[in-house]
N, C-alpha and C. Protein backbone atom coordinates (compact mmCIF):
# COMPACT_ATOMS: atom_id res chain seq x y z
N MET A 1 68.40 319.44 53.44
CA MET A 1 68.14 320.27 54.24
C MET A 1 67.31 319.43 55.11
N THR A 2 68.04 320.18 56.60
CA THR A 2 67.29 319.09 57.89
C THR A 2 65.62 319.59 57.96
N LYS A 3 65.03 318.60 58.38
CA LYS A 3 63.76 318.44 58.58
C LYS A 3 63.29 318.13 59.72
N SER A 4 61.84 318.49 60.33
CA SER A 4 61.41 317.96 61.52
C SER A 4 60.36 316.85 61.15
N TYR A 5 60.73 315.69 62.07
CA TYR A 5 59.75 314.83 61.75
C TYR A 5 59.00 314.18 62.83
N LEU A 6 57.53 313.71 62.87
CA LEU A 6 57.04 313.05 64.07
C LEU A 6 56.98 311.77 64.06
N LEU A 7 57.62 310.82 64.92
CA LEU A 7 57.68 309.43 65.19
C LEU A 7 56.69 308.97 66.05
N TYR A 8 55.46 308.15 65.55
CA TYR A 8 54.38 307.59 66.16
C TYR A 8 54.54 306.02 66.09
N ARG A 9 54.09 305.67 67.29
CA ARG A 9 53.68 304.13 67.44
C ARG A 9 52.41 303.73 66.94
N CYS A 10 52.48 303.01 66.25
CA CYS A 10 51.23 302.44 65.99
C CYS A 10 50.62 301.17 66.30
N GLY A 11 49.44 300.84 66.97
CA GLY A 11 48.71 299.83 67.25
C GLY A 11 47.72 298.89 66.73
N GLY A 12 47.63 297.92 67.30
CA GLY A 12 46.85 297.02 66.22
C GLY A 12 45.63 297.59 66.19
N GLU A 13 45.13 298.43 66.60
CA GLU A 13 43.31 298.72 66.64
C GLU A 13 43.70 300.20 65.91
N GLY A 14 44.32 300.68 65.47
CA GLY A 14 44.68 301.81 64.82
C GLY A 14 45.23 302.95 65.88
N ALA A 15 45.22 302.59 67.05
CA ALA A 15 46.15 303.75 68.02
C ALA A 15 47.19 304.55 67.35
N LEU A 16 47.46 305.56 67.66
CA LEU A 16 48.49 306.36 67.12
C LEU A 16 49.14 307.07 68.53
N THR A 17 50.56 306.77 68.72
CA THR A 17 51.05 307.12 70.01
C THR A 17 51.96 308.26 69.63
N PRO A 18 52.29 309.38 69.97
CA PRO A 18 53.34 310.01 69.47
C PRO A 18 54.73 309.64 70.38
N VAL A 19 55.65 309.49 69.53
CA VAL A 19 56.92 308.71 70.51
C VAL A 19 57.81 310.14 70.76
N MET A 20 58.16 310.91 69.80
CA MET A 20 58.84 312.04 69.77
C MET A 20 59.07 312.72 68.71
N ILE A 21 59.53 314.05 68.59
CA ILE A 21 59.77 314.78 67.11
C ILE A 21 61.22 314.82 67.06
N PHE A 22 61.98 314.64 66.05
CA PHE A 22 63.09 314.90 66.01
C PHE A 22 63.58 315.61 64.54
N SER A 23 64.74 315.46 64.32
CA SER A 23 65.11 316.08 62.84
C SER A 23 66.29 315.49 62.25
N ALA A 24 66.19 315.23 61.00
CA ALA A 24 67.02 314.52 59.96
C ALA A 24 67.22 315.42 58.86
N ASP A 25 68.29 315.12 57.78
CA ASP A 25 68.62 315.60 57.13
C ASP A 25 68.43 315.00 55.81
N SER A 26 67.61 313.73 55.57
CA SER A 26 66.83 313.10 54.96
C SER A 26 65.90 312.25 55.15
N GLU A 27 64.96 311.86 54.17
CA GLU A 27 64.08 310.85 54.43
C GLU A 27 64.74 309.70 54.79
N GLU A 28 65.72 309.29 54.24
CA GLU A 28 66.86 307.61 54.36
C GLU A 28 67.09 307.90 55.99
N GLU A 29 67.52 308.67 56.36
CA GLU A 29 68.04 309.41 57.85
C GLU A 29 66.75 309.06 58.80
N ALA A 30 65.93 309.90 58.19
CA ALA A 30 64.42 309.54 59.39
C ALA A 30 63.69 308.33 59.49
N ARG A 31 64.07 307.51 58.44
CA ARG A 31 63.57 305.88 58.64
C ARG A 31 64.62 305.03 59.35
N GLU A 32 65.59 305.81 59.62
CA GLU A 32 66.70 304.91 60.37
C GLU A 32 66.56 305.35 61.92
N ALA A 33 65.86 306.37 62.10
CA ALA A 33 65.89 307.08 63.30
C ALA A 33 65.52 305.97 64.82
N PRO A 34 64.18 305.44 64.17
CA PRO A 34 63.43 304.15 65.00
C PRO A 34 65.00 303.16 65.95
N THR A 35 65.74 302.75 65.03
CA THR A 35 66.81 301.96 65.26
C THR A 35 67.90 302.67 66.12
N TRP A 36 67.92 303.96 65.63
CA TRP A 36 69.22 304.60 66.30
C TRP A 36 68.35 305.05 67.84
N LEU A 37 67.29 305.40 67.64
CA LEU A 37 66.72 305.76 68.93
C LEU A 37 66.60 304.82 70.25
N ARG A 38 66.12 303.68 69.63
CA ARG A 38 66.14 302.44 70.36
C ARG A 38 67.46 302.24 71.16
N LYS A 39 68.73 302.21 69.96
CA LYS A 39 70.02 301.98 70.75
C LYS A 39 70.45 302.73 71.74
N HIS A 40 69.90 304.21 71.38
CA HIS A 40 70.34 305.36 72.53
C HIS A 40 69.46 305.63 73.57
N HIS A 41 68.21 304.94 73.47
CA HIS A 41 67.26 305.23 74.67
C HIS A 41 66.76 303.60 74.93
N PRO A 42 67.21 302.84 75.49
CA PRO A 42 66.80 301.46 75.40
C PRO A 42 65.82 301.36 76.52
N LYS A 43 65.69 302.42 77.58
CA LYS A 43 64.74 302.44 78.42
C LYS A 43 63.25 302.82 78.28
N ASN A 44 63.53 303.64 77.15
CA ASN A 44 62.20 304.18 76.52
C ASN A 44 61.21 303.11 75.67
N GLU A 45 60.19 302.95 76.89
CA GLU A 45 59.40 301.42 76.29
C GLU A 45 58.82 301.69 74.99
N LEU A 46 58.28 303.24 74.50
CA LEU A 46 57.59 303.49 73.32
C LEU A 46 58.60 303.23 72.18
N LEU A 47 59.72 302.66 72.27
CA LEU A 47 60.64 302.69 71.18
C LEU A 47 60.56 301.10 70.74
N HIS A 48 60.27 300.45 71.70
CA HIS A 48 60.00 298.81 71.70
C HIS A 48 58.63 298.47 71.02
N LEU A 49 58.52 297.68 69.89
CA LEU A 49 57.32 297.39 69.46
C LEU A 49 56.55 296.20 69.97
N GLY A 50 55.64 295.68 69.91
CA GLY A 50 54.94 294.59 70.38
C GLY A 50 54.37 294.00 69.00
N PRO A 51 53.59 292.74 69.14
CA PRO A 51 53.02 292.05 68.13
C PRO A 51 52.18 292.96 67.33
N GLY A 52 52.04 293.18 66.05
CA GLY A 52 51.27 294.03 65.09
C GLY A 52 51.62 295.45 65.31
N GLU A 53 52.58 295.71 65.99
CA GLU A 53 52.93 297.43 66.16
C GLU A 53 53.81 297.72 65.12
N PHE A 54 53.89 298.73 64.72
CA PHE A 54 54.91 299.51 63.45
C PHE A 54 54.88 300.91 63.96
N PHE A 55 56.31 301.52 63.39
CA PHE A 55 56.38 302.81 63.48
C PHE A 55 55.82 303.58 62.38
N GLU A 56 55.55 304.92 62.41
CA GLU A 56 54.97 305.57 61.11
C GLU A 56 55.87 306.91 61.44
N ILE A 57 56.10 307.43 60.55
CA ILE A 57 57.44 308.64 60.56
C ILE A 57 56.42 309.68 59.67
N ILE A 58 56.28 310.98 59.97
CA ILE A 58 55.34 311.95 59.05
C ILE A 58 56.57 313.16 59.24
N GLU A 59 56.82 313.51 57.89
CA GLU A 59 57.67 314.76 57.97
C GLU A 59 56.53 315.91 58.50
N GLN A 60 56.75 317.11 58.97
CA GLN A 60 56.43 318.43 59.43
C GLN A 60 55.46 318.73 58.40
N ASP A 61 56.04 319.03 57.21
CA ASP A 61 55.51 319.64 55.94
C ASP A 61 54.32 319.16 55.44
N LYS A 62 54.20 317.78 55.75
CA LYS A 62 53.42 316.62 55.33
C LYS A 62 52.10 316.39 56.28
N CYS A 63 52.51 317.06 57.29
CA CYS A 63 51.34 316.86 58.35
C CYS A 63 50.52 318.12 58.82
N SER A 64 49.36 318.12 58.86
CA SER A 64 48.67 319.37 59.28
C SER A 64 49.09 319.79 60.61
N GLN A 65 49.13 321.18 60.60
CA GLN A 65 49.41 321.96 61.93
C GLN A 65 48.42 321.46 63.02
N GLU A 66 47.48 321.05 63.21
CA GLU A 66 46.52 321.08 64.10
C GLU A 66 46.93 319.35 64.56
N GLU A 67 47.56 318.67 63.96
CA GLU A 67 47.93 317.05 64.22
C GLU A 67 49.41 317.33 64.88
N TRP A 68 50.17 318.21 64.13
CA TRP A 68 51.49 318.30 64.80
C TRP A 68 51.47 319.07 66.20
N ASP A 69 50.42 319.84 66.36
CA ASP A 69 50.39 320.62 67.47
C ASP A 69 49.67 319.87 68.68
N GLU A 70 48.80 318.80 68.46
CA GLU A 70 48.19 317.77 69.37
C GLU A 70 49.48 316.76 69.34
N ALA A 71 50.07 316.43 68.94
CA ALA A 71 51.14 315.68 69.33
C ALA A 71 52.16 316.02 70.05
N GLN A 72 52.50 317.19 69.74
CA GLN A 72 53.65 318.18 70.70
C GLN A 72 52.54 318.13 72.31
N MET A 73 51.44 318.53 72.24
CA MET A 73 50.97 318.23 73.55
C MET A 73 51.13 316.83 74.21
N LYS A 74 50.59 316.05 73.54
CA LYS A 74 50.80 314.81 74.28
C LYS A 74 52.21 314.56 74.60
N LEU A 75 53.16 314.99 73.86
CA LEU A 75 54.58 314.34 74.27
C LEU A 75 54.87 315.56 75.33
N LYS A 76 54.46 316.75 75.33
CA LYS A 76 54.64 317.49 76.58
C LYS A 76 53.94 316.85 77.62
N ALA A 77 52.91 316.44 78.14
CA ALA A 77 52.26 315.85 79.01
C ALA A 77 52.64 314.54 79.21
N GLY A 78 53.11 313.88 78.32
CA GLY A 78 53.60 312.58 78.85
C GLY A 78 55.10 312.77 79.59
N ASN A 79 55.77 313.78 79.12
CA ASN A 79 57.18 314.16 79.90
C ASN A 79 56.91 314.58 81.19
N ALA A 80 55.75 315.37 81.13
CA ALA A 80 55.34 315.86 82.62
C ALA A 80 54.97 314.89 83.68
N GLN A 81 54.42 313.84 83.21
CA GLN A 81 54.28 312.58 83.95
C GLN A 81 54.96 311.86 84.65
N GLY A 82 56.29 312.21 83.92
CA GLY A 82 57.23 311.27 84.12
C GLY A 82 57.69 310.16 83.30
N SER A 83 57.38 310.15 82.00
CA SER A 83 57.53 309.30 80.86
C SER A 83 59.06 308.85 81.00
N LYS A 84 59.47 307.87 80.48
CA LYS A 84 60.61 307.17 80.65
C LYS A 84 61.27 307.55 79.31
N THR A 85 62.69 307.85 79.28
CA THR A 85 63.43 308.25 77.85
C THR A 85 64.78 307.62 78.04
């Protein structure tokens, strides 16, 4: 069953930056998403990790609605400001 996931980029000081929301058919496919996204969107700087950074993937059903909505707002604001994808 296809589910929605939120991809975060996590920084060294606990900072969470929402990168994108995507759909995947399984948890395994969701874990492969950052690699696939980097390959297909090489100019998106959020998909390239620096030292001490990592990705966190959260399934929509395991995320509070408040957190999900806040991440969507941040993503929309970033796209309105011309973020690179």
